[in-house]
Amino acid sequence: MSNVEFKIIAYLGRTPNFETEVKLRDKGDGVIYIQEWNISSEKAKPTDSQLNALETEATKLLNNEKADTKRRKEYLSWQDQMEMIYKDQKNGTTTYKDHCDKVRSDNPKE
């Protein structure tokens, strides 16, 4: 996702459907703009200055998305996680919790 998308998410307070509700386009020079805003009944189309004011929040959302992506890669499969949980309960260990804590501490969110 582009930073413009995260600004729109911050503006709306939710993730819109970027195929039907909000369509973005690139002018060919790397500048992304809102081509269509099909949710005016929910909230008016934001101005450039309104979106630019959300830069900090959009950056935070972007960084958290990157952390989530890394976390998903580092967590084991659901089968391996279930096996860890079973063995922890059987053996009185905390392997699963320790694994989750490490993944989270290695990939902190803002």
N, C-alpha and C. Protein backbone atom coordinates (compact mmCIF):
# COMPACT_ATOMS: atom_id res chain seq x y z
N MET A 1 0.84 -1.19 0.00
CA MET A 1 0.00 0.00 0.00
C MET A 1 0.88 1.25 0.00
N SER A 2 0.39 2.27 -0.62
CA SER A 2 1.10 3.53 -0.66
C SER A 2 0.77 4.36 0.58
N ASN A 3 1.55 5.39 0.81
CA ASN A 3 1.30 6.26 1.95
C ASN A 3 -0.04 6.99 1.79
N VAL A 4 -0.44 7.26 0.54
CA VAL A 4 -1.74 7.90 0.30
C VAL A 4 -2.86 6.99 0.81
N GLU A 5 -2.73 5.69 0.56
CA GLU A 5 -3.74 4.75 1.04
C GLU A 5 -3.84 4.78 2.56
N PHE A 6 -2.71 4.83 3.23
CA PHE A 6 -2.73 4.87 4.70
C PHE A 6 -3.28 6.20 5.21
N LYS A 7 -3.07 7.28 4.48
CA LYS A 7 -3.67 8.56 4.85
C LYS A 7 -5.19 8.48 4.75
N ILE A 8 -5.68 7.83 3.70
CA ILE A 8 -7.13 7.67 3.52
C ILE A 8 -7.69 6.79 4.63
N ILE A 9 -6.98 5.73 4.97
CA ILE A 9 -7.42 4.86 6.07
C ILE A 9 -7.50 5.67 7.37
N ALA A 10 -6.50 6.49 7.62
CA ALA A 10 -6.50 7.34 8.82
C ALA A 10 -7.66 8.34 8.77
N TYR A 11 -7.92 8.90 7.61
CA TYR A 11 -9.00 9.88 7.45
C TYR A 11 -10.36 9.24 7.71
N LEU A 12 -10.58 8.05 7.16
CA LEU A 12 -11.87 7.38 7.31
C LEU A 12 -12.03 6.64 8.63
N GLY A 13 -10.90 6.21 9.20
CA GLY A 13 -10.98 5.39 10.41
C GLY A 13 -11.27 3.93 10.09
N ARG A 14 -11.13 3.58 8.83
CA ARG A 14 -11.33 2.19 8.38
C ARG A 14 -10.64 2.03 7.03
N THR A 15 -10.51 0.80 6.60
CA THR A 15 -9.92 0.53 5.28
C THR A 15 -11.04 0.42 4.25
N PRO A 16 -11.06 1.35 3.29
CA PRO A 16 -12.10 1.27 2.26
C PRO A 16 -11.73 0.22 1.21
N ASN A 17 -12.67 -0.11 0.38
CA ASN A 17 -12.40 -0.97 -0.77
C ASN A 17 -11.77 -0.06 -1.82
N PHE A 18 -10.50 -0.31 -2.13
CA PHE A 18 -9.79 0.56 -3.07
C PHE A 18 -10.09 0.22 -4.53
N GLU A 19 -11.02 -0.69 -4.76
CA GLU A 19 -11.44 -0.99 -6.13
C GLU A 19 -12.80 -0.36 -6.44
N THR A 20 -13.62 -0.20 -5.41
CA THR A 20 -14.97 0.33 -5.66
C THR A 20 -15.26 1.64 -4.93
N GLU A 21 -14.81 1.77 -3.68
CA GLU A 21 -15.15 2.96 -2.89
C GLU A 21 -14.22 4.13 -3.16
N VAL A 22 -12.92 3.85 -3.22
CA VAL A 22 -11.93 4.90 -3.45
C VAL A 22 -10.95 4.37 -4.49
N LYS A 23 -10.93 5.04 -5.64
CA LYS A 23 -10.01 4.62 -6.70
C LYS A 23 -8.86 5.61 -6.79
N LEU A 24 -7.65 5.08 -6.71
CA LEU A 24 -6.45 5.89 -6.79
C LEU A 24 -5.79 5.69 -8.14
N ARG A 25 -5.10 6.72 -8.61
CA ARG A 25 -4.37 6.64 -9.87
C ARG A 25 -3.03 7.34 -9.72
N ASP A 26 -2.10 6.90 -10.56
CA ASP A 26 -0.77 7.50 -10.63
C ASP A 26 -0.72 8.32 -11.91
N LYS A 27 -0.31 9.56 -11.80
CA LYS A 27 -0.27 10.44 -12.97
C LYS A 27 0.84 10.03 -13.95
N GLY A 28 1.64 9.05 -13.56
CA GLY A 28 2.76 8.63 -14.39
C GLY A 28 4.07 9.20 -13.89
N ASP A 29 3.97 10.12 -12.95
CA ASP A 29 5.18 10.72 -12.39
C ASP A 29 5.39 10.29 -10.94
N GLY A 30 4.66 9.26 -10.53
CA GLY A 30 4.80 8.77 -9.15
C GLY A 30 3.87 9.45 -8.17
N VAL A 31 3.13 10.46 -8.61
CA VAL A 31 2.19 11.16 -7.74
C VAL A 31 0.85 10.44 -7.79
N ILE A 32 0.42 9.93 -6.65
CA ILE A 32 -0.85 9.21 -6.57
C ILE A 32 -1.94 10.18 -6.13
N TYR A 33 -3.08 10.12 -6.81
CA TYR A 33 -4.19 11.00 -6.48
C TYR A 33 -5.49 10.20 -6.43
N ILE A 34 -6.51 10.79 -5.83
CA ILE A 34 -7.83 10.15 -5.75
C ILE A 34 -8.56 10.43 -7.05
N GLN A 35 -8.81 9.37 -7.81
CA GLN A 35 -9.54 9.52 -9.08
C GLN A 35 -11.04 9.50 -8.84
N GLU A 36 -11.48 8.58 -7.96
CA GLU A 36 -12.91 8.48 -7.63
C GLU A 36 -13.08 8.35 -6.13
N TRP A 37 -14.08 9.03 -5.61
CA TRP A 37 -14.44 8.96 -4.19
C TRP A 37 -15.93 8.62 -4.14
N ASN A 38 -16.21 7.34 -3.96
CA ASN A 38 -17.59 6.86 -4.05
C ASN A 38 -18.24 6.64 -2.68
N ILE A 39 -17.76 7.36 -1.68
CA ILE A 39 -18.34 7.22 -0.33
C ILE A 39 -18.64 8.58 0.28
N SER A 40 -19.07 9.51 -0.55
CA SER A 40 -19.38 10.87 -0.08
C SER A 40 -20.48 10.88 0.97
N SER A 41 -21.37 9.88 0.92
CA SER A 41 -22.44 9.82 1.91
C SER A 41 -21.88 9.52 3.31
N GLU A 42 -20.71 8.89 3.35
CA GLU A 42 -20.07 8.58 4.63
C GLU A 42 -19.19 9.74 5.11
N LYS A 43 -18.38 10.24 4.20
CA LYS A 43 -17.46 11.33 4.54
C LYS A 43 -17.04 12.00 3.24
N ALA A 44 -16.94 13.32 3.29
CA ALA A 44 -16.57 14.07 2.09
C ALA A 44 -15.15 13.71 1.64
N LYS A 45 -14.93 13.85 0.34
CA LYS A 45 -13.59 13.60 -0.20
C LYS A 45 -12.60 14.55 0.46
N PRO A 46 -11.48 14.03 0.97
CA PRO A 46 -10.54 14.90 1.67
C PRO A 46 -9.74 15.76 0.71
N THR A 47 -9.36 16.91 1.20
CA THR A 47 -8.48 17.79 0.43
C THR A 47 -7.04 17.30 0.61
N ASP A 48 -6.15 17.79 -0.23
CA ASP A 48 -4.74 17.44 -0.10
C ASP A 48 -4.20 17.86 1.27
N SER A 49 -4.62 19.03 1.74
CA SER A 49 -4.13 19.51 3.03
C SER A 49 -4.65 18.63 4.17
N GLN A 50 -5.88 18.14 4.05
CA GLN A 50 -6.41 17.24 5.09
C GLN A 50 -5.61 15.93 5.11
N LEU A 51 -5.30 15.41 3.93
CA LEU A 51 -4.51 14.18 3.87
C LEU A 51 -3.08 14.41 4.36
N ASN A 52 -2.49 15.52 3.98
CA ASN A 52 -1.12 15.81 4.42
C ASN A 52 -1.03 15.97 5.94
N ALA A 53 -2.10 16.43 6.57
CA ALA A 53 -2.12 16.57 8.03
C ALA A 53 -2.10 15.21 8.72
N LEU A 54 -2.41 14.16 7.98
CA LEU A 54 -2.44 12.81 8.55
C LEU A 54 -1.15 12.04 8.30
N GLU A 55 -0.11 12.72 7.89
CA GLU A 55 1.18 12.08 7.56
C GLU A 55 1.72 11.23 8.71
N THR A 56 1.72 11.77 9.92
CA THR A 56 2.26 11.03 11.08
C THR A 56 1.46 9.78 11.36
N GLU A 57 0.14 9.90 11.35
CA GLU A 57 -0.71 8.74 11.60
C GLU A 57 -0.58 7.71 10.49
N ALA A 58 -0.46 8.17 9.25
CA ALA A 58 -0.29 7.25 8.12
C ALA A 58 1.03 6.51 8.21
N THR A 59 2.08 7.20 8.61
CA THR A 59 3.38 6.55 8.78
C THR A 59 3.32 5.49 9.86
N LYS A 60 2.61 5.78 10.94
CA LYS A 60 2.44 4.80 12.02
C LYS A 60 1.69 3.56 11.50
N LEU A 61 0.62 3.78 10.75
CA LEU A 61 -0.13 2.66 10.18
C LEU A 61 0.74 1.83 9.23
N LEU A 62 1.53 2.51 8.43
CA LEU A 62 2.43 1.83 7.50
C LEU A 62 3.46 0.99 8.24
N ASN A 63 4.07 1.57 9.27
CA ASN A 63 5.07 0.85 10.06
C ASN A 63 4.45 -0.35 10.78
N ASN A 64 3.24 -0.19 11.28
CA ASN A 64 2.56 -1.31 11.94
C ASN A 64 2.21 -2.41 10.94
N GLU A 65 1.86 -2.03 9.72
CA GLU A 65 1.59 -3.02 8.68
C GLU A 65 2.85 -3.82 8.35
N LYS A 66 3.99 -3.13 8.30
CA LYS A 66 5.26 -3.81 8.06
C LYS A 66 5.58 -4.78 9.19
N ALA A 67 5.34 -4.37 10.43
CA ALA A 67 5.57 -5.25 11.58
C ALA A 67 4.65 -6.46 11.52
N ASP A 68 3.39 -6.25 11.17
CA ASP A 68 2.44 -7.36 11.04
C ASP A 68 2.89 -8.36 9.97
N THR A 69 3.37 -7.83 8.85
CA THR A 69 3.83 -8.70 7.76
C THR A 69 5.01 -9.55 8.22
N LYS A 70 5.95 -8.92 8.91
CA LYS A 70 7.10 -9.68 9.42
C LYS A 70 6.67 -10.70 10.46
N ARG A 71 5.74 -10.33 11.32
CA ARG A 71 5.25 -11.26 12.34
C ARG A 71 4.62 -12.48 11.69
N ARG A 72 3.80 -12.25 10.67
CA ARG A 72 3.13 -13.38 9.99
C ARG A 72 4.16 -14.35 9.42
N LYS A 73 5.27 -13.84 8.92
CA LYS A 73 6.31 -14.70 8.37
C LYS A 73 7.03 -15.48 9.47
N GLU A 74 7.19 -14.88 10.64
CA GLU A 74 7.96 -15.50 11.71
C GLU A 74 7.16 -16.45 12.59
N TYR A 75 5.85 -16.26 12.64
CA TYR A 75 5.04 -17.22 13.39
C TYR A 75 5.08 -18.54 12.64
N LEU A 76 5.02 -19.62 13.36
CA LEU A 76 5.01 -20.93 12.74
C LEU A 76 3.62 -21.22 12.17
N SER A 77 3.51 -22.32 11.45
CA SER A 77 2.20 -22.71 10.91
C SER A 77 1.24 -22.95 12.06
N TRP A 78 -0.04 -22.93 11.77
CA TRP A 78 -1.02 -23.15 12.84
C TRP A 78 -0.88 -24.56 13.40
N GLN A 79 -0.44 -25.50 12.56
CA GLN A 79 -0.25 -26.87 13.06
C GLN A 79 0.89 -26.91 14.08
N ASP A 80 1.99 -26.22 13.76
CA ASP A 80 3.12 -26.17 14.70
C ASP A 80 2.75 -25.44 15.99
N GLN A 81 1.94 -24.39 15.85
CA GLN A 81 1.51 -23.66 17.04
C GLN A 81 0.64 -24.55 17.93
N MET A 82 -0.27 -25.29 17.31
CA MET A 82 -1.12 -26.20 18.10
C MET A 82 -0.27 -27.26 18.80
N GLU A 83 0.73 -27.77 18.12
CA GLU A 83 1.63 -28.77 18.72
C GLU A 83 2.36 -28.18 19.93
N MET A 84 2.83 -26.94 19.79
CA MET A 84 3.51 -26.29 20.92
C MET A 84 2.57 -26.13 22.10
N ILE A 85 1.34 -25.68 21.82
CA ILE A 85 0.36 -25.49 22.89
C ILE A 85 0.08 -26.82 23.59
N TYR A 86 -0.11 -27.88 22.80
CA TYR A 86 -0.37 -29.20 23.38
C TYR A 86 0.79 -29.63 24.28
N LYS A 87 2.01 -29.50 23.76
CA LYS A 87 3.19 -29.92 24.54
C LYS A 87 3.37 -29.05 25.79
N ASP A 88 3.07 -27.76 25.67
CA ASP A 88 3.16 -26.88 26.84
C ASP A 88 2.20 -27.33 27.93
N GLN A 89 0.97 -27.65 27.53
CA GLN A 89 -0.01 -28.09 28.52
C GLN A 89 0.37 -29.44 29.11
N LYS A 90 0.89 -30.31 28.29
CA LYS A 90 1.27 -31.64 28.75
C LYS A 90 2.49 -31.60 29.66
N ASN A 91 3.47 -30.74 29.32
CA ASN A 91 4.75 -30.71 30.03
C ASN A 91 4.88 -29.56 31.03
N GLY A 92 3.88 -28.67 31.08
CA GLY A 92 3.97 -27.54 31.99
C GLY A 92 5.02 -26.52 31.57
N THR A 93 5.25 -26.41 30.25
CA THR A 93 6.24 -25.46 29.73
C THR A 93 5.55 -24.24 29.11
N THR A 94 6.35 -23.28 28.66
CA THR A 94 5.81 -22.05 28.07
C THR A 94 6.42 -21.78 26.69
N THR A 95 6.74 -22.82 25.95
CA THR A 95 7.39 -22.68 24.65
C THR A 95 6.58 -21.80 23.69
N TYR A 96 5.29 -22.04 23.62
CA TYR A 96 4.43 -21.27 22.71
C TYR A 96 4.40 -19.80 23.09
N LYS A 97 4.19 -19.52 24.35
CA LYS A 97 4.16 -18.13 24.83
C LYS A 97 5.51 -17.46 24.57
N ASP A 98 6.59 -18.17 24.86
CA ASP A 98 7.93 -17.62 24.64
C ASP A 98 8.17 -17.30 23.16
N HIS A 99 7.72 -18.20 22.30
CA HIS A 99 7.86 -17.97 20.86
C HIS A 99 7.09 -16.72 20.43
N CYS A 100 5.84 -16.62 20.87
CA CYS A 100 5.01 -15.45 20.52
C CYS A 100 5.62 -14.16 21.07
N ASP A 101 6.10 -14.18 22.29
CA ASP A 101 6.73 -13.00 22.90
C ASP A 101 7.96 -12.57 22.10
N LYS A 102 8.74 -13.54 21.64
CA LYS A 102 9.95 -13.20 20.86
C LYS A 102 9.57 -12.59 19.52
N VAL A 103 8.59 -13.18 18.84
CA VAL A 103 8.16 -12.62 17.55
C VAL A 103 7.68 -11.19 17.74
N ARG A 104 6.92 -10.94 18.80
CA ARG A 104 6.40 -9.59 19.05
C ARG A 104 7.51 -8.62 19.44
N SER A 105 8.44 -9.06 20.27
CA SER A 105 9.51 -8.16 20.69
C SER A 105 10.49 -7.87 19.54
N ASP A 106 10.66 -8.83 18.64
CA ASP A 106 11.53 -8.61 17.48
C ASP A 106 10.88 -7.71 16.44
N ASN A 107 9.55 -7.59 16.48
CA ASN A 107 8.80 -6.80 15.49
C ASN A 107 7.79 -5.91 16.21
N PRO A 108 8.27 -4.91 16.97
CA PRO A 108 7.34 -4.09 17.76
C PRO A 108 6.47 -3.18 16.89
N LYS A 109 5.31 -2.89 17.40
CA LYS A 109 4.41 -1.93 16.76
C LYS A 109 4.55 -0.60 17.47
N GLU A 110 4.16 0.46 16.78
CA GLU A 110 4.20 1.80 17.37
C GLU A 110 2.99 2.04 18.22
